[in-house]
Amino acid sequence: MTTYWLAQGVGVIAFLIGITTFINRDERRFKKQLSVYSAIIGVHFFLMGAFPAGSSAMLNAIRTLITLRTRSVWVMALFIVLTGGLGLAKFHHPMELLPVAGTIVSTWALFRFKGLPMRCVIWCSTGCWVIHNIWLGSIGGSLIEGSFLVMNGLNIIRFWRMQKRGIDPFKVETAQQEKPAAR
C-alpha cells in the first residue's frame, strides 16, 4: 500500500468519526469529538505531505480540549501565534494558508463564543478547509469538511429557529431523572 492510499484511508476514518460532530448540542461532547476528529485528520494531512494543514489540525485537537478548561485570552493568543508560526514555517503555496487562517478563526470562536455564534464563526472557518482540501486532493478531508459545511449550516438554521421560538438549544439536559416517590 502506498503512503498516498494510507493517507486517504486515514482521511476516510476521520470522515467517519467527524460526520456526527455538529449534531451534538452538548458543548463538552461536541468539543471532545471535534478534538478526536482533528487529531486523526492531522495524521491524514501529514501523510499527504501537507505540513501547514497537519500542524493546524493537531493544534486544533489540543486547543479544542483546552477550551473545555479555560477561555483565557492569553491561551487563545498562544494558540493563534503557534498556528500562524507553524503554518507559515513550511508553506509552499498560498492555498496552504487557508487551513492556517481557518484554524486561527476557529480558535478565536472557541475561546470567545459559545452556542450559535461559535458555530457560525466555525462555519466560516470550514469554508477555508473545504477549499484547501479540494485543492490538495484529500478525499476524506473534502468529504468531511463539505459535510461539516452542510451539516453545521443546517444545524445553525435549526438552532436559530429554536431560539426564535424561545427554546435554548444549548441548554444542557440532565441525564438523571427524578426518582419516583415511594409508595
C-alpha atoms as a PDB file:
ATOM      1  CA  MET A   1       0.000   0.000   0.000  1.00  0.00           C
ATOM      2  CA  THR A   2       1.398   3.384  -0.912  1.00  0.00           C
ATOM      3  CA  THR A   3       1.579   6.288   1.508  1.00  0.00           C
ATOM      4  CA  TYR A   4      -0.985   8.097  -0.642  1.00  0.00           C
ATOM      5  CA  TRP A   5      -3.641   5.414  -0.171  1.00  0.00           C
ATOM      6  CA  LEU A   6      -2.782   5.001   3.509  1.00  0.00           C
ATOM      7  CA  ALA A   7      -3.261   8.766   3.880  1.00  0.00           C
ATOM      8  CA  GLN A   8      -6.588   8.610   2.034  1.00  0.00           C
ATOM      9  CA  GLY A   9      -7.681   5.702   4.273  1.00  0.00           C
ATOM     10  CA  VAL A  10      -6.880   7.700   7.411  1.00  0.00           C
ATOM     11  CA  GLY A  11      -8.847  10.606   5.916  1.00  0.00           C
ATOM     12  CA  VAL A  12     -11.866   8.354   5.398  1.00  0.00           C
ATOM     13  CA  ILE A  13     -11.604   7.152   9.016  1.00  0.00           C
ATOM     14  CA  ALA A  14     -11.572  10.797  10.128  1.00  0.00           C
ATOM     15  CA  PHE A  15     -14.640  11.363   7.944  1.00  0.00           C
ATOM     16  CA  LEU A  16     -16.495   8.522   9.669  1.00  0.00           C
ATOM     17  CA  ILE A  17     -15.610   9.873  13.132  1.00  0.00           C
ATOM     18  CA  GLY A  18     -16.319  13.502  12.322  1.00  0.00           C
ATOM     19  CA  ILE A  19     -19.598  13.093  10.462  1.00  0.00           C
ATOM     20  CA  THR A  20     -21.757  13.397  13.585  1.00  0.00           C
ATOM     21  CA  THR A  21     -19.729  16.074  15.382  1.00  0.00           C
ATOM     22  CA  PHE A  22     -22.013  19.034  14.710  1.00  0.00           C
ATOM     23  CA  ILE A  23     -25.173  17.171  15.713  1.00  0.00           C
ATOM     24  CA  ASN A  24     -24.057  17.339  19.360  1.00  0.00           C
ATOM     25  CA  ARG A  25     -25.858  20.046  21.275  1.00  0.00           C
ATOM     26  CA  ASP A  26     -23.831  19.383  24.416  1.00  0.00           C
ATOM     27  CA  GLU A  27     -20.755  21.577  24.075  1.00  0.00           C
ATOM     28  CA  ARG A  28     -18.456  19.234  26.032  1.00  0.00           C
ATOM     29  CA  ARG A  29     -19.265  16.233  23.822  1.00  0.00           C
ATOM     30  CA  PHE A  30     -19.070  18.457  20.736  1.00  0.00           C
ATOM     31  CA  LYS A  31     -15.581  19.657  21.643  1.00  0.00           C
ATOM     32  CA  LYS A  32     -14.291  16.196  22.628  1.00  0.00           C
ATOM     33  CA  GLN A  33     -15.484  14.642  19.371  1.00  0.00           C
ATOM     34  CA  LEU A  34     -14.122  17.577  17.366  1.00  0.00           C
ATOM     35  CA  SER A  35     -10.752  17.064  19.066  1.00  0.00           C
ATOM     36  CA  VAL A  36     -10.592  13.351  18.167  1.00  0.00           C
ATOM     37  CA  TYR A  37     -11.533  14.135  14.580  1.00  0.00           C
ATOM     38  CA  SER A  38      -8.892  16.900  14.383  1.00  0.00           C
ATOM     39  CA  ALA A  39      -6.107  14.609  15.589  1.00  0.00           C
ATOM     40  CA  ILE A  40      -6.948  11.904  13.047  1.00  0.00           C
ATOM     41  CA  ILE A  41      -7.322  14.320  10.142  1.00  0.00           C
ATOM     42  CA  GLY A  42      -3.996  15.870  11.228  1.00  0.00           C
ATOM     43  CA  VAL A  43      -2.307  12.495  10.725  1.00  0.00           C
ATOM     44  CA  HIS A  44      -4.001  12.322   7.317  1.00  0.00           C
ATOM     45  CA  PHE A  45      -2.574  15.709   6.288  1.00  0.00           C
ATOM     46  CA  PHE A  46       0.943  14.838   7.449  1.00  0.00           C
ATOM     47  CA  LEU A  47       0.760  11.626   5.402  1.00  0.00           C
ATOM     48  CA  MET A  48      -0.392  13.714   2.409  1.00  0.00           C
ATOM     49  CA  GLY A  49       2.674  15.965   2.847  1.00  0.00           C
ATOM     50  CA  ALA A  50       0.581  18.986   3.843  1.00  0.00           C
ATOM     51  CA  PHE A  51       2.526  20.229   6.875  1.00  0.00           C
ATOM     52  CA  PRO A  52       0.613  23.517   7.421  1.00  0.00           C
ATOM     53  CA  ALA A  53      -2.735  21.669   7.415  1.00  0.00           C
ATOM     54  CA  GLY A  54      -1.375  18.832   9.575  1.00  0.00           C
ATOM     55  CA  SER A  55       0.076  21.161  12.193  1.00  0.00           C
ATOM     56  CA  SER A  56      -3.101  23.265  12.170  1.00  0.00           C
ATOM     57  CA  ALA A  57      -5.262  20.176  12.684  1.00  0.00           C
ATOM     58  CA  MET A  58      -3.071  18.873  15.525  1.00  0.00           C
ATOM     59  CA  LEU A  59      -3.174  22.284  17.210  1.00  0.00           C
ATOM     60  CA  ASN A  60      -6.968  22.191  16.704  1.00  0.00           C
ATOM     61  CA  ALA A  61      -7.139  18.919  18.627  1.00  0.00           C
ATOM     62  CA  ILE A  62      -5.138  20.235  21.587  1.00  0.00           C
ATOM     63  CA  ARG A  63      -6.759  23.660  21.546  1.00  0.00           C
ATOM     64  CA  THR A  64     -10.285  22.259  21.483  1.00  0.00           C
ATOM     65  CA  LEU A  65      -9.629  20.144  24.579  1.00  0.00           C
ATOM     66  CA  ILE A  66      -8.040  23.101  26.369  1.00  0.00           C
ATOM     67  CA  THR A  67     -11.137  25.234  25.731  1.00  0.00           C
ATOM     68  CA  LEU A  68     -13.009  22.780  27.984  1.00  0.00           C
ATOM     69  CA  ARG A  69     -10.866  24.068  30.892  1.00  0.00           C
ATOM     70  CA  THR A  70     -10.149  27.715  30.101  1.00  0.00           C
ATOM     71  CA  ARG A  71     -11.290  30.572  27.921  1.00  0.00           C
ATOM     72  CA  SER A  72      -8.225  32.674  28.737  1.00  0.00           C
ATOM     73  CA  VAL A  73      -7.341  35.322  26.179  1.00  0.00           C
ATOM     74  CA  TRP A  74      -3.649  34.553  26.800  1.00  0.00           C
ATOM     75  CA  VAL A  75      -4.100  30.873  25.988  1.00  0.00           C
ATOM     76  CA  MET A  76      -6.084  31.840  22.893  1.00  0.00           C
ATOM     77  CA  ALA A  77      -3.283  34.195  21.812  1.00  0.00           C
ATOM     78  CA  LEU A  78      -0.698  31.443  22.339  1.00  0.00           C
ATOM     79  CA  PHE A  79      -2.603  29.078  20.038  1.00  0.00           C
ATOM     80  CA  ILE A  80      -3.068  31.791  17.417  1.00  0.00           C
ATOM     81  CA  VAL A  81       0.694  32.544  17.441  1.00  0.00           C
ATOM     82  CA  LEU A  82       1.580  28.812  17.331  1.00  0.00           C
ATOM     83  CA  THR A  83      -0.834  28.206  14.451  1.00  0.00           C
ATOM     84  CA  GLY A  84       0.475  31.145  12.459  1.00  0.00           C
ATOM     85  CA  GLY A  85       4.109  30.336  13.193  1.00  0.00           C
ATOM     86  CA  LEU A  86       3.918  26.628  12.364  1.00  0.00           C
ATOM     87  CA  GLY A  87       1.701  27.241   9.346  1.00  0.00           C
ATOM     88  CA  LEU A  88       3.945  29.894   7.869  1.00  0.00           C
ATOM     89  CA  ALA A  89       7.132  27.944   8.593  1.00  0.00           C
ATOM     90  CA  LYS A  90       6.649  25.356   5.843  1.00  0.00           C
ATOM     91  CA  PHE A  91       4.057  26.610   3.409  1.00  0.00           C
ATOM     92  CA  HIS A  92       4.888  26.393  -0.298  1.00  0.00           C
ATOM     93  CA  HIS A  93       1.672  27.533  -1.939  1.00  0.00           C
ATOM     94  CA  PRO A  94      -0.809  30.280  -0.991  1.00  0.00           C
ATOM     95  CA  MET A  95      -3.613  27.665  -0.756  1.00  0.00           C
ATOM     96  CA  GLU A  96      -1.772  26.187   2.233  1.00  0.00           C
ATOM     97  CA  LEU A  97      -2.571  29.359   4.160  1.00  0.00           C
ATOM     98  CA  LEU A  98      -6.308  28.596   4.112  1.00  0.00           C
ATOM     99  CA  PRO A  99      -6.259  25.952   6.881  1.00  0.00           C
ATOM    100  CA  VAL A 100      -3.986  28.204   8.926  1.00  0.00           C
ATOM    101  CA  ALA A 101      -6.461  31.086   8.571  1.00  0.00           C
ATOM    102  CA  GLY A 102      -9.369  28.742   9.280  1.00  0.00           C
ATOM    103  CA  THR A 103      -7.686  27.471  12.429  1.00  0.00           C
ATOM    104  CA  ILE A 104      -6.962  30.981  13.669  1.00  0.00           C
ATOM    105  CA  VAL A 105     -10.610  31.966  13.138  1.00  0.00           C
ATOM    106  CA  SER A 106     -11.947  28.834  14.842  1.00  0.00           C
ATOM    107  CA  THR A 107      -9.516  29.333  17.744  1.00  0.00           C
ATOM    108  CA  TRP A 108     -10.951  32.773  18.273  1.00  0.00           C
ATOM    109  CA  ALA A 109     -14.504  31.346  18.089  1.00  0.00           C
ATOM    110  CA  LEU A 110     -13.887  28.515  20.553  1.00  0.00           C
ATOM    111  CA  PHE A 111     -12.299  30.823  23.134  1.00  0.00           C
ATOM    112  CA  ARG A 112     -14.568  33.844  22.771  1.00  0.00           C
ATOM    113  CA  PHE A 113     -18.014  32.472  21.858  1.00  0.00           C
ATOM    114  CA  LYS A 114     -20.500  29.796  22.836  1.00  0.00           C
ATOM    115  CA  GLY A 115     -23.535  28.254  21.220  1.00  0.00           C
ATOM    116  CA  LEU A 116     -24.817  29.663  17.947  1.00  0.00           C
ATOM    117  CA  PRO A 117     -22.242  32.460  17.450  1.00  0.00           C
ATOM    118  CA  MET A 118     -19.405  29.928  17.928  1.00  0.00           C
ATOM    119  CA  ARG A 119     -20.926  27.595  15.342  1.00  0.00           C
ATOM    120  CA  CYS A 120     -21.425  30.462  12.859  1.00  0.00           C
ATOM    121  CA  VAL A 121     -17.768  31.505  13.027  1.00  0.00           C
ATOM    122  CA  ILE A 122     -16.634  27.867  12.790  1.00  0.00           C
ATOM    123  CA  TRP A 123     -18.876  27.506   9.723  1.00  0.00           C
ATOM    124  CA  CYS A 124     -16.870  30.282   8.038  1.00  0.00           C
ATOM    125  CA  SER A 125     -13.629  28.590   9.055  1.00  0.00           C
ATOM    126  CA  THR A 126     -14.875  25.369   7.490  1.00  0.00           C
ATOM    127  CA  GLY A 127     -15.102  27.122   4.127  1.00  0.00           C
ATOM    128  CA  CYS A 128     -11.324  27.664   4.225  1.00  0.00           C
ATOM    129  CA  TRP A 129     -10.736  23.973   4.913  1.00  0.00           C
ATOM    130  CA  VAL A 130     -13.117  22.843   2.140  1.00  0.00           C
ATOM    131  CA  ILE A 131     -11.291  24.881  -0.491  1.00  0.00           C
ATOM    132  CA  HIS A 132      -7.891  23.685   0.763  1.00  0.00           C
ATOM    133  CA  ASN A 133      -8.903  20.021   0.891  1.00  0.00           C
ATOM    134  CA  ILE A 134     -10.310  20.033  -2.631  1.00  0.00           C
ATOM    135  CA  TRP A 135      -7.112  21.720  -3.856  1.00  0.00           C
ATOM    136  CA  LEU A 136      -4.970  19.132  -2.002  1.00  0.00           C
ATOM    137  CA  GLY A 137      -6.936  16.198  -3.395  1.00  0.00           C
ATOM    138  CA  SER A 138      -7.878  14.933   0.064  1.00  0.00           C
ATOM    139  CA  ILE A 139     -10.847  12.605  -0.421  1.00  0.00           C
ATOM    140  CA  GLY A 140     -11.727  12.146   3.264  1.00  0.00           C
ATOM    141  CA  GLY A 141     -10.867  15.748   4.107  1.00  0.00           C
ATOM    142  CA  SER A 142     -13.042  17.110   1.295  1.00  0.00           C
ATOM    143  CA  LEU A 143     -15.923  14.813   2.234  1.00  0.00           C
ATOM    144  CA  ILE A 144     -15.803  15.663   5.926  1.00  0.00           C
ATOM    145  CA  GLU A 145     -15.330  19.396   5.609  1.00  0.00           C
ATOM    146  CA  GLY A 146     -18.001  19.544   2.901  1.00  0.00           C
ATOM    147  CA  SER A 147     -20.278  17.570   5.224  1.00  0.00           C
ATOM    148  CA  PHE A 148     -19.382  19.895   8.113  1.00  0.00           C
ATOM    149  CA  LEU A 149     -20.287  22.868   5.940  1.00  0.00           C
ATOM    150  CA  VAL A 150     -23.723  21.415   5.118  1.00  0.00           C
ATOM    151  CA  MET A 151     -24.492  19.814   8.495  1.00  0.00           C
ATOM    152  CA  ASN A 152     -23.316  22.743  10.592  1.00  0.00           C
ATOM    153  CA  GLY A 153     -25.156  25.136   8.261  1.00  0.00           C
ATOM    154  CA  LEU A 154     -28.401  23.171   8.640  1.00  0.00           C
ATOM    155  CA  ASN A 155     -27.924  22.922  12.412  1.00  0.00           C
ATOM    156  CA  ILE A 156     -27.263  26.664  12.631  1.00  0.00           C
ATOM    157  CA  ILE A 157     -30.604  27.270  10.912  1.00  0.00           C
ATOM    158  CA  ARG A 158     -32.351  24.696  13.165  1.00  0.00           C
ATOM    159  CA  PHE A 159     -30.852  26.128  16.367  1.00  0.00           C
ATOM    160  CA  TRP A 160     -31.644  29.692  15.257  1.00  0.00           C
ATOM    161  CA  ARG A 161     -35.291  28.681  14.689  1.00  0.00           C
ATOM    162  CA  MET A 162     -35.401  27.059  18.121  1.00  0.00           C
ATOM    163  CA  GLN A 163     -34.097  30.275  19.681  1.00  0.00           C
ATOM    164  CA  LYS A 164     -36.748  32.292  17.818  1.00  0.00           C
ATOM    165  CA  ARG A 165     -39.378  30.045  19.466  1.00  0.00           C
ATOM    166  CA  GLY A 166     -37.849  30.732  22.886  1.00  0.00           C
ATOM    167  CA  ILE A 167     -36.097  27.359  23.184  1.00  0.00           C
ATOM    168  CA  ASP A 168     -32.465  27.275  24.250  1.00  0.00           C
ATOM    169  CA  PRO A 169     -30.945  24.546  22.030  1.00  0.00           C
ATOM    170  CA  PHE A 170     -27.713  24.568  24.038  1.00  0.00           C
ATOM    171  CA  LYS A 171     -29.200  24.098  27.477  1.00  0.00           C
ATOM    172  CA  VAL A 172     -27.576  21.024  28.968  1.00  0.00           C
ATOM    173  CA  GLU A 173     -30.222  18.479  29.810  1.00  0.00           C
ATOM    174  CA  THR A 174     -29.629  16.428  32.917  1.00  0.00           C
ATOM    175  CA  ALA A 175     -29.430  12.709  32.378  1.00  0.00           C
ATOM    176  CA  GLN A 176     -30.631  11.965  35.855  1.00  0.00           C
ATOM    177  CA  GLN A 177     -34.394  11.522  36.113  1.00  0.00           C
ATOM    178  CA  GLU A 178     -36.238  12.223  39.336  1.00  0.00           C
ATOM    179  CA  LYS A 179     -36.769   9.085  41.356  1.00  0.00           C
ATOM    180  CA  PRO A 180     -40.416   8.009  41.642  1.00  0.00           C
ATOM    181  CA  ALA A 181     -41.974   8.633  45.033  1.00  0.00           C
ATOM    182  CA  ALA A 182     -42.040   5.687  47.425  1.00  0.00           C
ATOM    183  CA  ARG A 183     -45.446   4.064  47.845  1.00  0.00           C
END
